Amino acid sequence: QVQLVESGGGLVQTGGSLRLSCTASGLTFNQYTMAWFRQPPGKDREFVASHIHKDGSTYYADSVKGRFTISRDIAKNTVYLQMNNLKLEDAAVYYCNSISTDDQYWGQGTQVTVSS
């Protein structure tokens, strides 16, 4: 049974930082591209960042470039999202995603709240 468990969300002031973690189990971690998505209140889920398992390349939404960093610890089966200089518009439920050529999995989400 595949599980993706996110943690690290919470309340932070604008300009602050948070680090989200997503620990995977039940899958071969280094065979999956890992990504973060988010869903702001009343809006659709949107892509945030991804880490490609084949070559380690990373991709970011324009809105988070230069502020967010995605990384992967294979030994811990964990992907991280370091979020710096948080803005009000970053408030959302953040979801971890794993994808391969055969399947895709989602975590349950972790809430990030940004206050002014």
PDB file of N, CA and C in Angstrom:
ATOM      1  N   GLN A   1       0.843  -1.189   0.000  1.00  0.00           N
ATOM      2  CA  GLN A   1       0.000   0.000   0.000  1.00  0.00           C
ATOM      3  C   GLN A   1       0.881   1.242   0.000  1.00  0.00           C
ATOM      4  N   VAL A   2       0.652   2.098  -0.986  1.00  0.00           N
ATOM      5  CA  VAL A   2       1.452   3.313  -1.105  1.00  0.00           C
ATOM      6  C   VAL A   2       0.885   4.389  -0.187  1.00  0.00           C
ATOM      7  N   GLN A   3       1.774   5.045   0.512  1.00  0.00           N
ATOM      8  CA  GLN A   3       1.385   6.190   1.338  1.00  0.00           C
ATOM      9  C   GLN A   3       2.352   7.332   1.139  1.00  0.00           C
ATOM     10  N   LEU A   4       1.807   8.519   1.025  1.00  0.00           N
ATOM     11  CA  LEU A   4       2.587   9.754   1.023  1.00  0.00           C
ATOM     12  C   LEU A   4       2.081  10.575   2.200  1.00  0.00           C
ATOM     13  N   VAL A   5       2.970  10.870   3.135  1.00  0.00           N
ATOM     14  CA  VAL A   5       2.567  11.578   4.339  1.00  0.00           C
ATOM     15  C   VAL A   5       3.303  12.907   4.414  1.00  0.00           C
ATOM     16  N   GLU A   6       2.523  13.983   4.314  1.00  0.00           N
ATOM     17  CA  GLU A   6       3.112  15.327   4.371  1.00  0.00           C
ATOM     18  C   GLU A   6       3.138  15.826   5.813  1.00  0.00           C
ATOM     19  N   SER A   7       4.064  16.706   6.065  1.00  0.00           N
ATOM     20  CA  SER A   7       4.136  17.388   7.356  1.00  0.00           C
ATOM     21  C   SER A   7       4.854  18.713   7.167  1.00  0.00           C
ATOM     22  N   GLY A   8       4.787  19.551   8.198  1.00  0.00           N
ATOM     23  CA  GLY A   8       5.528  20.803   8.169  1.00  0.00           C
ATOM     24  C   GLY A   8       4.694  22.038   7.907  1.00  0.00           C
ATOM     25  N   GLY A   9       3.433  21.857   7.599  1.00  0.00           N
ATOM     26  CA  GLY A   9       2.591  23.019   7.386  1.00  0.00           C
ATOM     27  C   GLY A   9       2.328  23.750   8.684  1.00  0.00           C
ATOM     28  N   GLY A  10       1.748  24.933   8.558  1.00  0.00           N
ATOM     29  CA  GLY A  10       1.435  25.706   9.754  1.00  0.00           C
ATOM     30  C   GLY A  10       1.164  27.146   9.415  1.00  0.00           C
ATOM     31  N   LEU A  11       1.205  27.977  10.450  1.00  0.00           N
ATOM     32  CA  LEU A  11       0.947  29.402  10.325  1.00  0.00           C
ATOM     33  C   LEU A  11       2.273  30.161  10.332  1.00  0.00           C
ATOM     34  N   VAL A  12       2.438  31.053   9.377  1.00  0.00           N
ATOM     35  CA  VAL A  12       3.668  31.833   9.282  1.00  0.00           C
ATOM     36  C   VAL A  12       3.319  33.240   8.819  1.00  0.00           C
ATOM     37  N   GLN A  13       4.119  34.209   9.221  1.00  0.00           N
ATOM     38  CA  GLN A  13       3.902  35.579   8.771  1.00  0.00           C
ATOM     39  C   GLN A  13       4.524  35.784   7.395  1.00  0.00           C
ATOM     40  N   THR A  14       4.041  36.780   6.695  1.00  0.00           N
ATOM     41  CA  THR A  14       4.639  37.118   5.402  1.00  0.00           C
ATOM     42  C   THR A  14       6.136  37.364   5.575  1.00  0.00           C
ATOM     43  N   GLY A  15       6.896  36.863   4.617  1.00  0.00           N
ATOM     44  CA  GLY A  15       8.344  36.959   4.687  1.00  0.00           C
ATOM     45  C   GLY A  15       9.002  35.813   5.426  1.00  0.00           C
ATOM     46  N   GLY A  16       8.223  35.005   6.087  1.00  0.00           N
ATOM     47  CA  GLY A  16       8.760  33.885   6.850  1.00  0.00           C
ATOM     48  C   GLY A  16       9.025  32.663   5.991  1.00  0.00           C
ATOM     49  N   SER A  17       9.446  31.583   6.660  1.00  0.00           N
ATOM     50  CA  SER A  17       9.822  30.354   5.967  1.00  0.00           C
ATOM     51  C   SER A  17       9.161  29.140   6.606  1.00  0.00           C
ATOM     52  N   LEU A  18       8.955  28.140   5.788  1.00  0.00           N
ATOM     53  CA  LEU A  18       8.493  26.835   6.247  1.00  0.00           C
ATOM     54  C   LEU A  18       9.175  25.779   5.391  1.00  0.00           C
ATOM     55  N   ARG A  19       9.350  24.588   5.967  1.00  0.00           N
ATOM     56  CA  ARG A  19       9.818  23.459   5.183  1.00  0.00           C
ATOM     57  C   ARG A  19       8.809  22.331   5.285  1.00  0.00           C
ATOM     58  N   LEU A  20       8.285  21.959   4.148  1.00  0.00           N
ATOM     59  CA  LEU A  20       7.357  20.839   4.083  1.00  0.00           C
ATOM     60  C   LEU A  20       8.135  19.558   3.797  1.00  0.00           C
ATOM     61  N   SER A  21       7.653  18.479   4.360  1.00  0.00           N
ATOM     62  CA  SER A  21       8.240  17.165   4.115  1.00  0.00           C
ATOM     63  C   SER A  21       7.161  16.216   3.624  1.00  0.00           C
ATOM     64  N   CYS A  22       7.560  15.280   2.809  1.00  0.00           N
ATOM     65  CA  CYS A  22       6.666  14.229   2.337  1.00  0.00           C
ATOM     66  C   CYS A  22       7.445  12.923   2.332  1.00  0.00           C
ATOM     67  N   THR A  23       7.017  12.007   3.183  1.00  0.00           N
ATOM     68  CA  THR A  23       7.682  10.714   3.274  1.00  0.00           C
ATOM     69  C   THR A  23       6.833   9.653   2.591  1.00  0.00           C
ATOM     70  N   ALA A  24       7.476   8.934   1.694  1.00  0.00           N
ATOM     71  CA  ALA A  24       6.778   7.923   0.899  1.00  0.00           C
ATOM     72  C   ALA A  24       7.066   6.525   1.424  1.00  0.00           C
ATOM     73  N   SER A  25       6.084   5.664   1.324  1.00  0.00           N
ATOM     74  CA  SER A  25       6.258   4.250   1.650  1.00  0.00           C
ATOM     75  C   SER A  25       5.439   3.426   0.668  1.00  0.00           C
ATOM     76  N   GLY A  26       5.886   2.192   0.474  1.00  0.00           N
ATOM     77  CA  GLY A  26       5.149   1.294  -0.415  1.00  0.00           C
ATOM     78  C   GLY A  26       5.464   1.464  -1.881  1.00  0.00           C
ATOM     79  N   LEU A  27       6.461   2.265  -2.205  1.00  0.00           N
ATOM     80  CA  LEU A  27       6.872   2.414  -3.590  1.00  0.00           C
ATOM     81  C   LEU A  27       8.387   2.516  -3.651  1.00  0.00           C
ATOM     82  N   THR A  28       8.910   2.291  -4.858  1.00  0.00           N
ATOM     83  CA  THR A  28      10.354   2.421  -5.065  1.00  0.00           C
ATOM     84  C   THR A  28      10.640   3.891  -5.321  1.00  0.00           C
ATOM     85  N   PHE A  29      11.058   4.570  -4.275  1.00  0.00           N
ATOM     86  CA  PHE A  29      11.110   6.033  -4.261  1.00  0.00           C
ATOM     87  C   PHE A  29      11.929   6.603  -5.410  1.00  0.00           C
ATOM     88  N   ASN A  30      13.065   5.984  -5.717  1.00  0.00           N
ATOM     89  CA  ASN A  30      13.930   6.581  -6.729  1.00  0.00           C
ATOM     90  C   ASN A  30      13.454   6.300  -8.155  1.00  0.00           C
ATOM     91  N   GLN A  31      12.297   5.685  -8.294  1.00  0.00           N
ATOM     92  CA  GLN A  31      11.717   5.465  -9.618  1.00  0.00           C
ATOM     93  C   GLN A  31      10.536   6.387  -9.894  1.00  0.00           C
ATOM     94  N   TYR A  32      10.326   7.336  -8.994  1.00  0.00           N
ATOM     95  CA  TYR A  32       9.195   8.242  -9.127  1.00  0.00           C
ATOM     96  C   TYR A  32       9.666   9.687  -9.179  1.00  0.00           C
ATOM     97  N   THR A  33       9.084  10.436 -10.101  1.00  0.00           N
ATOM     98  CA  THR A  33       9.190  11.885 -10.023  1.00  0.00           C
ATOM     99  C   THR A  33       8.323  12.338  -8.865  1.00  0.00           C
ATOM    100  N   MET A  34       8.863  13.236  -8.065  1.00  0.00           N
ATOM    101  CA  MET A  34       8.119  13.763  -6.920  1.00  0.00           C
ATOM    102  C   MET A  34       7.793  15.235  -7.163  1.00  0.00           C
ATOM    103  N   ALA A  35       6.629  15.621  -6.733  1.00  0.00           N
ATOM    104  CA  ALA A  35       6.202  16.992  -6.985  1.00  0.00           C
ATOM    105  C   ALA A  35       5.358  17.510  -5.829  1.00  0.00           C
ATOM    106  N   TRP A  36       5.233  18.810  -5.791  1.00  0.00           N
ATOM    107  CA  TRP A  36       4.335  19.498  -4.862  1.00  0.00           C
ATOM    108  C   TRP A  36       3.319  20.280  -5.679  1.00  0.00           C
ATOM    109  N   PHE A  37       2.079  20.190  -5.254  1.00  0.00           N
ATOM    110  CA  PHE A  37       0.996  20.984  -5.786  1.00  0.00           C
ATOM    111  C   PHE A  37       0.361  21.723  -4.611  1.00  0.00           C
ATOM    112  N   ARG A  38      -0.455  22.710  -4.922  1.00  0.00           N
ATOM    113  CA  ARG A  38      -1.176  23.398  -3.861  1.00  0.00           C
ATOM    114  C   ARG A  38      -2.557  23.810  -4.350  1.00  0.00           C
ATOM    115  N   GLN A  39      -3.444  23.955  -3.400  1.00  0.00           N
ATOM    116  CA  GLN A  39      -4.798  24.372  -3.718  1.00  0.00           C
ATOM    117  C   GLN A  39      -5.197  25.506  -2.791  1.00  0.00           C
ATOM    118  N   PRO A  40      -5.161  26.742  -3.294  1.00  0.00           N
ATOM    119  CA  PRO A  40      -5.609  27.880  -2.481  1.00  0.00           C
ATOM    120  C   PRO A  40      -7.115  27.810  -2.250  1.00  0.00           C
ATOM    121  N   PRO A  41      -7.601  28.485  -1.251  1.00  0.00           N
ATOM    122  CA  PRO A  41      -9.045  28.460  -0.977  1.00  0.00           C
ATOM    123  C   PRO A  41      -9.856  28.913  -2.182  1.00  0.00           C
ATOM    124  N   GLY A  42     -10.829  28.120  -2.584  1.00  0.00           N
ATOM    125  CA  GLY A  42     -11.716  28.476  -3.680  1.00  0.00           C
ATOM    126  C   GLY A  42     -11.122  28.388  -5.068  1.00  0.00           C
ATOM    127  N   LYS A  43      -9.915  27.827  -5.155  1.00  0.00           N
ATOM    128  CA  LYS A  43      -9.258  27.744  -6.460  1.00  0.00           C
ATOM    129  C   LYS A  43      -8.902  26.309  -6.798  1.00  0.00           C
ATOM    130  N   ASP A  44      -8.482  26.092  -8.030  1.00  0.00           N
ATOM    131  CA  ASP A  44      -8.068  24.767  -8.466  1.00  0.00           C
ATOM    132  C   ASP A  44      -6.680  24.426  -7.936  1.00  0.00           C
ATOM    133  N   ARG A  45      -6.411  23.139  -7.901  1.00  0.00           N
ATOM    134  CA  ARG A  45      -5.071  22.689  -7.528  1.00  0.00           C
ATOM    135  C   ARG A  45      -4.094  23.116  -8.620  1.00  0.00           C
ATOM    136  N   GLU A  46      -2.906  23.564  -8.195  1.00  0.00           N
ATOM    137  CA  GLU A  46      -1.918  24.050  -9.157  1.00  0.00           C
ATOM    138  C   GLU A  46      -0.540  23.469  -8.853  1.00  0.00           C
ATOM    139  N   PHE A  47       0.250  23.376  -9.897  1.00  0.00           N
ATOM    140  CA  PHE A  47       1.617  22.867  -9.781  1.00  0.00           C
ATOM    141  C   PHE A  47       2.495  23.879  -9.056  1.00  0.00           C
ATOM    142  N   VAL A  48       3.377  23.365  -8.205  1.00  0.00           N
ATOM    143  CA  VAL A  48       4.333  24.217  -7.499  1.00  0.00           C
ATOM    144  C   VAL A  48       5.767  23.895  -7.921  1.00  0.00           C
ATOM    145  N   ALA A  49       6.158  22.622  -7.776  1.00  0.00           N
ATOM    146  CA  ALA A  49       7.538  22.249  -8.060  1.00  0.00           C
ATOM    147  C   ALA A  49       7.619  20.748  -8.277  1.00  0.00           C
ATOM    148  N   SER A  50       8.649  20.329  -9.010  1.00  0.00           N
ATOM    149  CA  SER A  50       8.865  18.907  -9.219  1.00  0.00           C
ATOM    150  C   SER A  50      10.342  18.580  -9.232  1.00  0.00           C
ATOM    151  N   HIS A  51      10.646  17.330  -8.882  1.00  0.00           N
ATOM    152  CA  HIS A  51      12.009  16.809  -8.873  1.00  0.00           C
ATOM    153  C   HIS A  51      11.997  15.528  -9.693  1.00  0.00           C
ATOM    154  N   ILE A  52      12.708  15.548 -10.817  1.00  0.00           N
ATOM    155  CA  ILE A  52      12.688  14.433 -11.747  1.00  0.00           C
ATOM    156  C   ILE A  52      13.655  13.347 -11.285  1.00  0.00           C
ATOM    157  N   HIS A  53      13.152  12.111 -11.146  1.00  0.00           N
ATOM    158  CA  HIS A  53      13.980  11.058 -10.569  1.00  0.00           C
ATOM    159  C   HIS A  53      15.130  10.658 -11.487  1.00  0.00           C
ATOM    160  N   LYS A  54      14.955  10.778 -12.808  1.00  0.00           N
ATOM    161  CA  LYS A  54      15.945  10.267 -13.745  1.00  0.00           C
ATOM    162  C   LYS A  54      17.241  11.059 -13.717  1.00  0.00           C
ATOM    163  N   ASP A  55      17.136  12.372 -13.614  1.00  0.00           N
ATOM    164  CA  ASP A  55      18.358  13.175 -13.694  1.00  0.00           C
ATOM    165  C   ASP A  55      18.461  14.228 -12.592  1.00  0.00           C
ATOM    166  N   GLY A  56      17.500  14.264 -11.696  1.00  0.00           N
ATOM    167  CA  GLY A  56      17.556  15.209 -10.591  1.00  0.00           C
ATOM    168  C   GLY A  56      17.193  16.634 -10.948  1.00  0.00           C
ATOM    169  N   SER A  57      16.728  16.841 -12.155  1.00  0.00           N
ATOM    170  CA  SER A  57      16.365  18.201 -12.537  1.00  0.00           C
ATOM    171  C   SER A  57      15.103  18.639 -11.786  1.00  0.00           C
ATOM    172  N   THR A  58      14.983  19.938 -11.639  1.00  0.00           N
ATOM    173  CA  THR A  58      13.857  20.505 -10.892  1.00  0.00           C
ATOM    174  C   THR A  58      13.133  21.550 -11.738  1.00  0.00           C
ATOM    175  N   TYR A  59      11.852  21.701 -11.470  1.00  0.00           N
ATOM    176  CA  TYR A  59      11.019  22.665 -12.175  1.00  0.00           C
ATOM    177  C   TYR A  59      10.140  23.375 -11.161  1.00  0.00           C
ATOM    178  N   TYR A  60       9.858  24.639 -11.453  1.00  0.00           N
ATOM    179  CA  TYR A  60       9.073  25.449 -10.534  1.00  0.00           C
ATOM    180  C   TYR A  60       8.029  26.268 -11.279  1.00  0.00           C
ATOM    181  N   ALA A  61       6.929  26.495 -10.602  1.00  0.00           N
ATOM    182  CA  ALA A  61       5.962  27.468 -11.108  1.00  0.00           C
ATOM    183  C   ALA A  61       6.609  28.845 -11.056  1.00  0.00           C
ATOM    184  N   ASP A  62       6.267  29.698 -11.985  1.00  0.00           N
ATOM    185  CA  ASP A  62       6.851  31.039 -12.022  1.00  0.00           C
ATOM    186  C   ASP A  62       6.618  31.792 -10.716  1.00  0.00           C
ATOM    187  N   SER A  63       5.495  31.543 -10.099  1.00  0.00           N
ATOM    188  CA  SER A  63       5.118  32.287  -8.897  1.00  0.00           C
ATOM    189  C   SER A  63       6.006  31.974  -7.695  1.00  0.00           C
ATOM    190  N   VAL A  64       6.749  30.859  -7.755  1.00  0.00           N
ATOM    191  CA  VAL A  64       7.571  30.477  -6.602  1.00  0.00           C
ATOM    192  C   VAL A  64       9.063  30.442  -6.915  1.00  0.00           C
ATOM    193  N   LYS A  65       9.436  30.660  -8.160  1.00  0.00           N
ATOM    194  CA  LYS A  65      10.847  30.624  -8.538  1.00  0.00           C
ATOM    195  C   LYS A  65      11.654  31.615  -7.714  1.00  0.00           C
ATOM    196  N   GLY A  66      12.795  31.141  -7.231  1.00  0.00           N
ATOM    197  CA  GLY A  66      13.660  31.991  -6.439  1.00  0.00           C
ATOM    198  C   GLY A  66      13.302  32.031  -4.965  1.00  0.00           C
ATOM    199  N   ARG A  67      12.142  31.488  -4.613  1.00  0.00           N
ATOM    200  CA  ARG A  67      11.720  31.481  -3.199  1.00  0.00           C
ATOM    201  C   ARG A  67      11.583  30.062  -2.642  1.00  0.00           C
ATOM    202  N   PHE A  68      11.171  29.124  -3.480  1.00  0.00           N
ATOM    203  CA  PHE A  68      10.947  27.736  -3.054  1.00  0.00           C
ATOM    204  C   PHE A  68      12.036  26.843  -3.638  1.00  0.00           C
ATOM    205  N   THR A  69      12.381  25.798  -2.893  1.00  0.00           N
ATOM    206  CA  THR A  69      13.351  24.817  -3.355  1.00  0.00           C
ATOM    207  C   THR A  69      12.840  23.419  -3.039  1.00  0.00           C
ATOM    208  N   ILE A  70      12.814  22.573  -4.056  1.00  0.00           N
ATOM    209  CA  ILE A  70      12.435  21.180  -3.859  1.00  0.00           C
ATOM    210  C   ILE A  70      13.701  20.337  -3.821  1.00  0.00           C
ATOM    211  N   SER A  71      13.718  19.363  -2.917  1.00  0.00           N
ATOM    212  CA  SER A  71      14.871  18.477  -2.821  1.00  0.00           C
ATOM    213  C   SER A  71      14.407  17.095  -2.387  1.00  0.00           C
ATOM    214  N   ARG A  72      15.286  16.130  -2.548  1.00  0.00           N
ATOM    215  CA  ARG A  72      14.920  14.752  -2.273  1.00  0.00           C
ATOM    216  C   ARG A  72      16.028  14.075  -1.478  1.00  0.00           C
ATOM    217  N   ASP A  73      15.642  13.315  -0.461  1.00  0.00           N
ATOM    218  CA  ASP A  73      16.577  12.487   0.299  1.00  0.00           C
ATOM    219  C   ASP A  73      16.183  11.035   0.058  1.00  0.00           C
ATOM    220  N   ILE A  74      16.937  10.369  -0.810  1.00  0.00           N
ATOM    221  CA  ILE A  74      16.583   9.001  -1.179  1.00  0.00           C
ATOM    222  C   ILE A  74      16.680   8.063   0.015  1.00  0.00           C
ATOM    223  N   ALA A  75      17.670   8.272   0.862  1.00  0.00           N
ATOM    224  CA  ALA A  75      17.855   7.399   2.025  1.00  0.00           C
ATOM    225  C   ALA A  75      16.659   7.448   2.970  1.00  0.00           C
ATOM    226  N   LYS A  76      15.974   8.581   2.996  1.00  0.00           N
ATOM    227  CA  LYS A  76      14.827   8.757   3.889  1.00  0.00           C
ATOM    228  C   LYS A  76      13.494   8.652   3.161  1.00  0.00           C
ATOM    229  N   ASN A  77      13.531   8.374   1.860  1.00  0.00           N
ATOM    230  CA  ASN A  77      12.294   8.314   1.061  1.00  0.00           C
ATOM    231  C   ASN A  77      11.455   9.577   1.241  1.00  0.00           C
ATOM    232  N   THR A  78      12.135  10.694   1.277  1.00  0.00           N
ATOM    233  CA  THR A  78      11.457  11.942   1.609  1.00  0.00           C
ATOM    234  C   THR A  78      11.789  13.025   0.592  1.00  0.00           C
ATOM    235  N   VAL A  79      10.779  13.799   0.250  1.00  0.00           N
ATOM    236  CA  VAL A  79      10.959  14.980  -0.588  1.00  0.00           C
ATOM    237  C   VAL A  79      10.576  16.191   0.255  1.00  0.00           C
ATOM    238  N   TYR A  80      11.321  17.258   0.062  1.00  0.00           N
ATOM    239  CA  TYR A  80      11.125  18.478   0.847  1.00  0.00           C
ATOM    240  C   TYR A  80      10.731  19.641  -0.060  1.00  0.00           C
ATOM    241  N   LEU A  81      10.058  20.593   0.527  1.00  0.00           N
ATOM    242  CA  LEU A  81       9.814  21.857  -0.142  1.00  0.00           C
ATOM    243  C   LEU A  81      10.167  22.959   0.842  1.00  0.00           C
ATOM    244  N   GLN A  82      11.304  23.584   0.599  1.00  0.00           N
ATOM    245  CA  GLN A  82      11.718  24.727   1.415  1.00  0.00           C
ATOM    246  C   GLN A  82      11.069  25.970   0.841  1.00  0.00           C
ATOM    247  N   MET A  83      10.308  26.661   1.658  1.00  0.00           N
ATOM    248  CA  MET A  83       9.573  27.831   1.211  1.00  0.00           C
ATOM    249  C   MET A  83      10.064  29.049   1.984  1.00  0.00           C
ATOM    250  N   ASN A  84      10.654  29.986   1.266  1.00  0.00           N
ATOM    251  CA  ASN A  84      11.168  31.210   1.869  1.00  0.00           C
ATOM    252  C   ASN A  84      10.401  32.420   1.361  1.00  0.00           C
ATOM    253  N   ASN A  85      10.495  33.500   2.123  1.00  0.00           N
ATOM    254  CA  ASN A  85       9.847  34.751   1.727  1.00  0.00           C
ATOM    255  C   ASN A  85       8.381  34.511   1.346  1.00  0.00           C
ATOM    256  N   LEU A  86       7.675  33.870   2.242  1.00  0.00           N
ATOM    257  CA  LEU A  86       6.288  33.505   1.949  1.00  0.00           C
ATOM    258  C   LEU A  86       5.409  34.736   1.811  1.00  0.00           C
ATOM    259  N   LYS A  87       4.479  34.631   0.892  1.00  0.00           N
ATOM    260  CA  LYS A  87       3.543  35.702   0.596  1.00  0.00           C
ATOM    261  C   LYS A  87       2.126  35.258   0.938  1.00  0.00           C
ATOM    262  N   LEU A  88       1.231  36.229   1.043  1.00  0.00           N
ATOM    263  CA  LEU A  88      -0.161  35.894   1.362  1.00  0.00           C
ATOM    264  C   LEU A  88      -0.733  34.905   0.346  1.00  0.00           C
ATOM    265  N   GLU A  89      -0.337  35.085  -0.904  1.00  0.00           N
ATOM    266  CA  GLU A  89      -0.889  34.235  -1.967  1.00  0.00           C
ATOM    267  C   GLU A  89      -0.328  32.817  -1.966  1.00  0.00           C
ATOM    268  N   ASP A  90       0.625  32.538  -1.093  1.00  0.00           N
ATOM    269  CA  ASP A  90       1.135  31.174  -0.957  1.00  0.00           C
ATOM    270  C   ASP A  90       0.258  30.318  -0.033  1.00  0.00           C
ATOM    271  N   ALA A  91      -0.676  30.935   0.639  1.00  0.00           N
ATOM    272  CA  ALA A  91      -1.551  30.189   1.536  1.00  0.00           C
ATOM    273  C   ALA A  91      -2.377  29.179   0.747  1.00  0.00           C
ATOM    274  N   ALA A  92      -2.337  27.933   1.183  1.00  0.00           N
ATOM    275  CA  ALA A  92      -3.015  26.864   0.451  1.00  0.00           C
ATOM    276  C   ALA A  92      -2.848  25.559   1.211  1.00  0.00           C
ATOM    277  N   VAL A  93      -3.556  24.545   0.742  1.00  0.00           N
ATOM    278  CA  VAL A  93      -3.244  23.179   1.143  1.00  0.00           C
ATOM    279  C   VAL A  93      -2.220  22.659   0.149  1.00  0.00           C
ATOM    280  N   TYR A  94      -1.106  22.182   0.663  1.00  0.00           N
ATOM    281  CA  TYR A  94      -0.025  21.682  -0.177  1.00  0.00           C
ATOM    282  C   TYR A  94      -0.071  20.153  -0.213  1.00  0.00           C
ATOM    283  N   TYR A  95      -0.001  19.622  -1.428  1.00  0.00           N
ATOM    284  CA  TYR A  95      -0.097  18.194  -1.642  1.00  0.00           C
ATOM    285  C   TYR A  95       1.194  17.654  -2.250  1.00  0.00           C
ATOM    286  N   CYS A  96       1.610  16.524  -1.752  1.00  0.00           N
ATOM    287  CA  CYS A  96       2.734  15.788  -2.313  1.00  0.00           C
ATOM    288  C   CYS A  96       2.205  14.845  -3.389  1.00  0.00           C
ATOM    289  N   ASN A  97       2.980  14.692  -4.446  1.00  0.00           N
ATOM    290  CA  ASN A  97       2.573  13.862  -5.576  1.00  0.00           C
ATOM    291  C   ASN A  97       3.745  13.025  -6.040  1.00  0.00           C
ATOM    292  N   SER A  98       3.495  11.754  -6.311  1.00  0.00           N
ATOM    293  CA  SER A  98       4.512  10.896  -6.902  1.00  0.00           C
ATOM    294  C   SER A  98       3.955  10.341  -8.199  1.00  0.00           C
ATOM    295  N   ILE A  99       4.782  10.334  -9.217  1.00  0.00           N
ATOM    296  CA  ILE A  99       4.311   9.903 -10.526  1.00  0.00           C
ATOM    297  C   ILE A  99       5.391   9.095 -11.243  1.00  0.00           C
ATOM    298  N   SER A 100       4.931   8.013 -11.885  1.00  0.00           N
ATOM    299  CA  SER A 100       5.806   7.224 -12.741  1.00  0.00           C
ATOM    300  C   SER A 100       5.079   7.016 -14.056  1.00  0.00           C
ATOM    301  N   THR A 101       5.631   6.207 -14.922  1.00  0.00           N
ATOM    302  CA  THR A 101       4.956   5.933 -16.193  1.00  0.00           C
ATOM    303  C   THR A 101       3.701   5.085 -15.986  1.00  0.00           C
ATOM    304  N   ASP A 102       3.602   4.427 -14.842  1.00  0.00           N
ATOM    305  CA  ASP A 102       2.491   3.498 -14.615  1.00  0.00           C
ATOM    306  C   ASP A 102       1.430   4.011 -13.660  1.00  0.00           C
ATOM    307  N   ASP A 103       1.799   4.856 -12.729  1.00  0.00           N
ATOM    308  CA  ASP A 103       0.810   5.256 -11.730  1.00  0.00           C
ATOM    309  C   ASP A 103       1.182   6.591 -11.094  1.00  0.00           C
ATOM    310  N   GLN A 104       0.254   7.043 -10.248  1.00  0.00           N
ATOM    311  CA  GLN A 104       0.393   8.345  -9.598  1.00  0.00           C
ATOM    312  C   GLN A 104      -0.289   8.257  -8.235  1.00  0.00           C
ATOM    313  N   TYR A 105       0.325   8.924  -7.267  1.00  0.00           N
ATOM    314  CA  TYR A 105      -0.228   8.919  -5.918  1.00  0.00           C
ATOM    315  C   TYR A 105      -0.212  10.326  -5.336  1.00  0.00           C
ATOM    316  N   TRP A 106      -1.138  10.550  -4.402  1.00  0.00           N
ATOM    317  CA  TRP A 106      -1.239  11.850  -3.730  1.00  0.00           C
ATOM    318  C   TRP A 106      -1.219  11.656  -2.221  1.00  0.00           C
ATOM    319  N   GLY A 107      -0.655  12.632  -1.541  1.00  0.00           N
ATOM    320  CA  GLY A 107      -0.756  12.688  -0.099  1.00  0.00           C
ATOM    321  C   GLY A 107      -2.071  13.338   0.308  1.00  0.00           C
ATOM    322  N   GLN A 108      -2.261  13.436   1.621  1.00  0.00           N
ATOM    323  CA  GLN A 108      -3.524  13.959   2.139  1.00  0.00           C
ATOM    324  C   GLN A 108      -3.526  15.481   2.235  1.00  0.00           C
ATOM    325  N   GLY A 109      -2.359  16.081   2.121  1.00  0.00           N
ATOM    326  CA  GLY A 109      -2.260  17.537   2.148  1.00  0.00           C
ATOM    327  C   GLY A 109      -1.876  18.082   3.501  1.00  0.00           C
ATOM    328  N   THR A 110      -1.213  19.222   3.482  1.00  0.00           N
ATOM    329  CA  THR A 110      -0.866  19.926   4.713  1.00  0.00           C
ATOM    330  C   THR A 110      -1.159  21.410   4.502  1.00  0.00           C
ATOM    331  N   GLN A 111      -1.754  22.020   5.494  1.00  0.00           N
ATOM    332  CA  GLN A 111      -2.219  23.402   5.382  1.00  0.00           C
ATOM    333  C   GLN A 111      -1.088  24.387   5.661  1.00  0.00           C
ATOM    334  N   VAL A 112      -0.944  25.355   4.775  1.00  0.00           N
ATOM    335  CA  VAL A 112      -0.029  26.466   4.990  1.00  0.00           C
ATOM    336  C   VAL A 112      -0.861  27.738   5.048  1.00  0.00           C
ATOM    337  N   THR A 113      -0.752  28.449   6.152  1.00  0.00           N
ATOM    338  CA  THR A 113      -1.475  29.694   6.339  1.00  0.00           C
ATOM    339  C   THR A 113      -0.469  30.825   6.486  1.00  0.00           C
ATOM    340  N   VAL A 114      -0.666  31.887   5.738  1.00  0.00           N
ATOM    341  CA  VAL A 114       0.248  33.028   5.769  1.00  0.00           C
ATOM    342  C   VAL A 114      -0.532  34.250   6.251  1.00  0.00           C
ATOM    343  N   SER A 115      -0.015  34.903   7.276  1.00  0.00           N
ATOM    344  CA  SER A 115      -0.684  36.077   7.821  1.00  0.00           C
ATOM    345  C   SER A 115       0.179  37.315   7.613  1.00  0.00           C
ATOM    346  N   SER A 116      -0.469  38.453   7.548  1.00  0.00           N
ATOM    347  CA  SER A 116       0.262  39.709   7.337  1.00  0.00           C
ATOM    348  C   SER A 116       0.664  40.342   8.657  1.00  0.00           C
TER     349      SER A 116
END
